[in-house]
Amino acid sequence: MEGYKTKGHSRLFRNGFNRIVQGEIVHHIIEIKSDWNKRFDINNLFFLTKENHNKVHSKMNVSNEMQYEVIKMLKDFKIKFKEEFGV
C-alpha cells in the first residue's frame, strides 16, 4: 500500500497487513481501557482476522511510539476503505 513511510508501518506491512481479508474479531482502535466512551463508537472499531488482531496487540505493546503508529495505521486504513468501497 502506498503512502506509508514510517518505520512502524513498514514493519507492520512486512508482517502481513497489506491485503484485505475477511475479519473475525472486532478490534477497538483506541482501547476501551484507555477511553471507555469509545467502546461503541463505530469509528473506533476495526474488523480483523484473529492472526492480525494478535499482531496488532503485540505491536501496540512494544512501545508508546509503536502504539501510536498502529492506531494511525488503522485509522488510515479505515479512511482508505471508506473512500475505495463507499462503506
N, C-alpha and C. Protein backbone atom coordinates (compact mmCIF):
# COMPACT_ATOMS: atom_id res chain seq x y z
N MET A 1 0.84 -1.16 0.00
CA MET A 1 0.00 0.00 0.00
C MET A 1 0.89 1.23 0.00
N GLU A 2 0.60 2.15 -0.86
CA GLU A 2 1.40 3.35 -1.00
C GLU A 2 1.12 4.32 0.14
N GLY A 3 2.05 5.21 0.40
CA GLY A 3 1.82 6.31 1.30
C GLY A 3 2.21 6.07 2.76
N TYR A 4 2.65 4.89 3.11
CA TYR A 4 3.03 4.62 4.49
C TYR A 4 4.55 4.57 4.55
N LYS A 5 5.14 5.64 5.04
CA LYS A 5 6.59 5.78 5.00
C LYS A 5 7.25 5.60 6.36
N THR A 6 6.49 5.54 7.43
CA THR A 6 7.10 5.47 8.75
C THR A 6 7.67 4.07 8.99
N LYS A 7 8.63 4.03 9.84
CA LYS A 7 9.28 2.77 10.19
C LYS A 7 8.28 1.75 10.72
N GLY A 8 7.37 2.18 11.60
CA GLY A 8 6.39 1.27 12.17
C GLY A 8 5.46 0.67 11.14
N HIS A 9 5.00 1.49 10.20
CA HIS A 9 4.11 0.97 9.17
C HIS A 9 4.81 -0.05 8.29
N SER A 10 6.05 0.22 7.90
CA SER A 10 6.73 -0.73 7.03
C SER A 10 6.97 -2.05 7.77
N ARG A 11 7.23 -1.99 9.07
CA ARG A 11 7.38 -3.24 9.84
C ARG A 11 6.06 -4.01 9.87
N LEU A 12 4.97 -3.30 10.02
CA LEU A 12 3.67 -3.96 10.07
C LEU A 12 3.33 -4.57 8.72
N PHE A 13 3.62 -3.86 7.64
CA PHE A 13 3.29 -4.39 6.31
C PHE A 13 4.09 -5.64 6.01
N ARG A 14 5.34 -5.68 6.40
CA ARG A 14 6.14 -6.88 6.16
C ARG A 14 5.56 -8.08 6.91
N ASN A 15 4.79 -7.78 7.94
CA ASN A 15 4.19 -8.85 8.74
C ASN A 15 2.77 -9.19 8.30
N GLY A 16 2.36 -8.77 7.10
CA GLY A 16 1.10 -9.24 6.56
C GLY A 16 -0.09 -8.32 6.63
N PHE A 17 0.09 -7.03 6.80
CA PHE A 17 -1.04 -6.10 6.88
C PHE A 17 -1.26 -5.39 5.54
N ASN A 18 -1.04 -6.07 4.44
CA ASN A 18 -1.12 -5.37 3.16
C ASN A 18 -2.18 -5.92 2.23
N ARG A 19 -3.18 -6.60 2.76
CA ARG A 19 -4.25 -7.11 1.91
C ARG A 19 -5.56 -7.14 2.70
N ILE A 20 -6.64 -7.09 1.96
CA ILE A 20 -7.96 -7.13 2.59
C ILE A 20 -8.42 -8.57 2.66
N VAL A 21 -8.77 -9.02 3.85
CA VAL A 21 -9.32 -10.37 4.06
C VAL A 21 -10.51 -10.24 5.00
N GLN A 22 -11.33 -11.27 5.04
CA GLN A 22 -12.50 -11.25 5.91
C GLN A 22 -12.06 -11.31 7.37
N GLY A 23 -12.59 -10.39 8.17
CA GLY A 23 -12.24 -10.34 9.59
C GLY A 23 -13.05 -11.32 10.41
N GLU A 24 -12.59 -11.52 11.65
CA GLU A 24 -13.25 -12.43 12.58
C GLU A 24 -13.50 -11.79 13.94
N ILE A 25 -12.72 -10.75 14.25
CA ILE A 25 -12.75 -10.12 15.57
C ILE A 25 -12.83 -8.61 15.40
N VAL A 26 -13.68 -7.98 16.21
CA VAL A 26 -13.73 -6.52 16.20
C VAL A 26 -12.66 -5.99 17.16
N HIS A 27 -11.82 -5.11 16.64
CA HIS A 27 -10.75 -4.51 17.43
C HIS A 27 -11.12 -3.06 17.72
N HIS A 28 -10.91 -2.61 18.96
CA HIS A 28 -11.09 -1.21 19.31
C HIS A 28 -9.78 -0.48 19.00
N ILE A 29 -9.83 0.46 18.08
CA ILE A 29 -8.62 1.19 17.68
C ILE A 29 -8.02 1.88 18.90
N ILE A 30 -8.83 2.68 19.58
CA ILE A 30 -8.45 3.21 20.89
C ILE A 30 -9.01 2.24 21.90
N GLU A 31 -8.14 1.58 22.64
CA GLU A 31 -8.58 0.54 23.55
C GLU A 31 -9.58 1.08 24.58
N ILE A 32 -10.54 0.24 24.93
CA ILE A 32 -11.58 0.70 25.86
C ILE A 32 -11.02 0.98 27.25
N LYS A 33 -9.91 0.36 27.58
CA LYS A 33 -9.30 0.68 28.88
C LYS A 33 -8.72 2.09 28.88
N SER A 34 -8.44 2.62 27.69
CA SER A 34 -7.94 3.99 27.57
C SER A 34 -9.06 5.02 27.46
N ASP A 35 -10.17 4.61 26.83
CA ASP A 35 -11.30 5.53 26.67
C ASP A 35 -12.59 4.72 26.59
N TRP A 36 -13.21 4.51 27.73
CA TRP A 36 -14.43 3.70 27.84
C TRP A 36 -15.55 4.23 26.95
N ASN A 37 -15.61 5.54 26.74
CA ASN A 37 -16.67 6.16 25.95
C ASN A 37 -16.61 5.80 24.47
N LYS A 38 -15.49 5.27 24.01
CA LYS A 38 -15.35 4.89 22.60
C LYS A 38 -15.72 3.43 22.33
N ARG A 39 -16.21 2.73 23.33
CA ARG A 39 -16.45 1.29 23.18
C ARG A 39 -17.49 0.95 22.12
N PHE A 40 -18.46 1.83 21.89
CA PHE A 40 -19.49 1.58 20.88
C PHE A 40 -19.38 2.51 19.68
N ASP A 41 -18.34 3.31 19.63
CA ASP A 41 -18.13 4.26 18.54
C ASP A 41 -17.71 3.50 17.28
N ILE A 42 -18.57 3.53 16.27
CA ILE A 42 -18.31 2.79 15.03
C ILE A 42 -17.00 3.20 14.38
N ASN A 43 -16.60 4.45 14.58
CA ASN A 43 -15.34 4.94 14.01
C ASN A 43 -14.12 4.44 14.77
N ASN A 44 -14.36 3.80 15.90
CA ASN A 44 -13.27 3.25 16.70
C ASN A 44 -13.16 1.73 16.57
N LEU A 45 -13.96 1.14 15.70
CA LEU A 45 -13.96 -0.31 15.55
C LEU A 45 -13.33 -0.71 14.22
N PHE A 46 -12.59 -1.81 14.25
CA PHE A 46 -11.92 -2.30 13.04
C PHE A 46 -12.00 -3.82 13.06
N PHE A 47 -12.46 -4.42 11.99
CA PHE A 47 -12.63 -5.86 11.89
C PHE A 47 -11.32 -6.50 11.42
N LEU A 48 -10.79 -7.44 12.19
CA LEU A 48 -9.51 -8.09 11.88
C LEU A 48 -9.64 -9.61 11.96
N THR A 49 -8.71 -10.29 11.29
CA THR A 49 -8.59 -11.73 11.49
C THR A 49 -8.01 -11.95 12.89
N LYS A 50 -8.14 -13.15 13.41
CA LYS A 50 -7.56 -13.45 14.73
C LYS A 50 -6.05 -13.23 14.70
N GLU A 51 -5.42 -13.69 13.62
CA GLU A 51 -3.96 -13.56 13.50
C GLU A 51 -3.54 -12.08 13.51
N ASN A 52 -4.22 -11.26 12.71
CA ASN A 52 -3.87 -9.85 12.66
C ASN A 52 -4.23 -9.13 13.95
N HIS A 53 -5.30 -9.56 14.61
CA HIS A 53 -5.66 -8.97 15.90
C HIS A 53 -4.54 -9.21 16.92
N ASN A 54 -4.02 -10.42 16.93
CA ASN A 54 -2.90 -10.73 17.82
C ASN A 54 -1.67 -9.91 17.47
N LYS A 55 -1.40 -9.75 16.17
CA LYS A 55 -0.25 -8.95 15.74
C LYS A 55 -0.41 -7.49 16.15
N VAL A 56 -1.61 -6.96 15.98
CA VAL A 56 -1.87 -5.56 16.36
C VAL A 56 -1.58 -5.38 17.85
N HIS A 57 -2.08 -6.27 18.69
CA HIS A 57 -1.85 -6.14 20.13
C HIS A 57 -0.38 -6.34 20.47
N SER A 58 0.29 -7.23 19.80
CA SER A 58 1.73 -7.41 20.04
C SER A 58 2.50 -6.14 19.71
N LYS A 59 2.18 -5.53 18.58
CA LYS A 59 2.86 -4.29 18.16
C LYS A 59 2.53 -3.15 19.12
N MET A 60 1.28 -3.07 19.56
CA MET A 60 0.88 -1.98 20.45
C MET A 60 1.55 -2.07 21.81
N ASN A 61 1.99 -3.26 22.19
CA ASN A 61 2.65 -3.44 23.49
C ASN A 61 4.15 -3.20 23.45
N VAL A 62 4.70 -2.93 22.26
CA VAL A 62 6.14 -2.71 22.12
C VAL A 62 6.56 -1.40 22.79
N SER A 63 5.86 -0.33 22.45
CA SER A 63 6.20 0.99 22.99
C SER A 63 5.04 1.94 22.73
N ASN A 64 5.06 3.08 23.38
CA ASN A 64 4.04 4.10 23.13
C ASN A 64 4.12 4.59 21.69
N GLU A 65 5.33 4.72 21.17
CA GLU A 65 5.50 5.16 19.78
C GLU A 65 4.87 4.16 18.82
N MET A 66 5.10 2.87 19.04
CA MET A 66 4.52 1.85 18.17
C MET A 66 3.01 1.83 18.32
N GLN A 67 2.50 2.02 19.53
CA GLN A 67 1.05 2.07 19.73
C GLN A 67 0.45 3.21 18.90
N TYR A 68 1.09 4.36 18.92
CA TYR A 68 0.63 5.50 18.12
C TYR A 68 0.64 5.14 16.63
N GLU A 69 1.71 4.49 16.17
CA GLU A 69 1.82 4.10 14.76
C GLU A 69 0.70 3.14 14.35
N VAL A 70 0.41 2.17 15.20
CA VAL A 70 -0.64 1.19 14.90
C VAL A 70 -2.00 1.89 14.85
N ILE A 71 -2.27 2.75 15.82
CA ILE A 71 -3.54 3.48 15.84
C ILE A 71 -3.68 4.32 14.58
N LYS A 72 -2.62 5.03 14.20
CA LYS A 72 -2.65 5.85 12.99
C LYS A 72 -2.89 4.99 11.76
N MET A 73 -2.21 3.86 11.67
CA MET A 73 -2.36 2.97 10.53
C MET A 73 -3.80 2.47 10.41
N LEU A 74 -4.40 2.03 11.52
CA LEU A 74 -5.77 1.52 11.48
C LEU A 74 -6.76 2.61 11.11
N LYS A 75 -6.57 3.81 11.63
CA LYS A 75 -7.44 4.93 11.25
C LYS A 75 -7.29 5.25 9.77
N ASP A 76 -6.05 5.23 9.27
CA ASP A 76 -5.81 5.49 7.85
C ASP A 76 -6.43 4.40 6.97
N PHE A 77 -6.31 3.15 7.40
CA PHE A 77 -6.93 2.04 6.66
C PHE A 77 -8.44 2.24 6.58
N LYS A 78 -9.02 2.62 7.69
CA LYS A 78 -10.47 2.80 7.75
C LYS A 78 -10.92 3.90 6.79
N ILE A 79 -10.20 4.99 6.74
CA ILE A 79 -10.50 6.09 5.82
C ILE A 79 -10.34 5.62 4.38
N LYS A 80 -9.25 4.94 4.08
CA LYS A 80 -8.99 4.46 2.72
C LYS A 80 -10.07 3.46 2.29
N PHE A 81 -10.48 2.57 3.18
CA PHE A 81 -11.51 1.60 2.86
C PHE A 81 -12.82 2.29 2.54
N LYS A 82 -13.19 3.29 3.34
CA LYS A 82 -14.43 4.05 3.08
C LYS A 82 -14.36 4.75 1.74
N GLU A 83 -13.22 5.34 1.41
CA GLU A 83 -13.06 6.04 0.13
C GLU A 83 -13.17 5.07 -1.04
N GLU A 84 -12.52 3.92 -0.94
CA GLU A 84 -12.47 2.98 -2.04
C GLU A 84 -13.76 2.19 -2.22
N PHE A 85 -14.42 1.86 -1.12
CA PHE A 85 -15.58 0.97 -1.19
C PHE A 85 -16.89 1.63 -0.80
N GLY A 86 -16.83 2.87 -0.35
CA GLY A 86 -18.04 3.60 0.00
C GLY A 86 -18.80 3.02 1.17
N VAL A 87 -18.10 2.33 2.03
CA VAL A 87 -18.74 1.68 3.19
C VAL A 87 -18.45 2.48 4.44
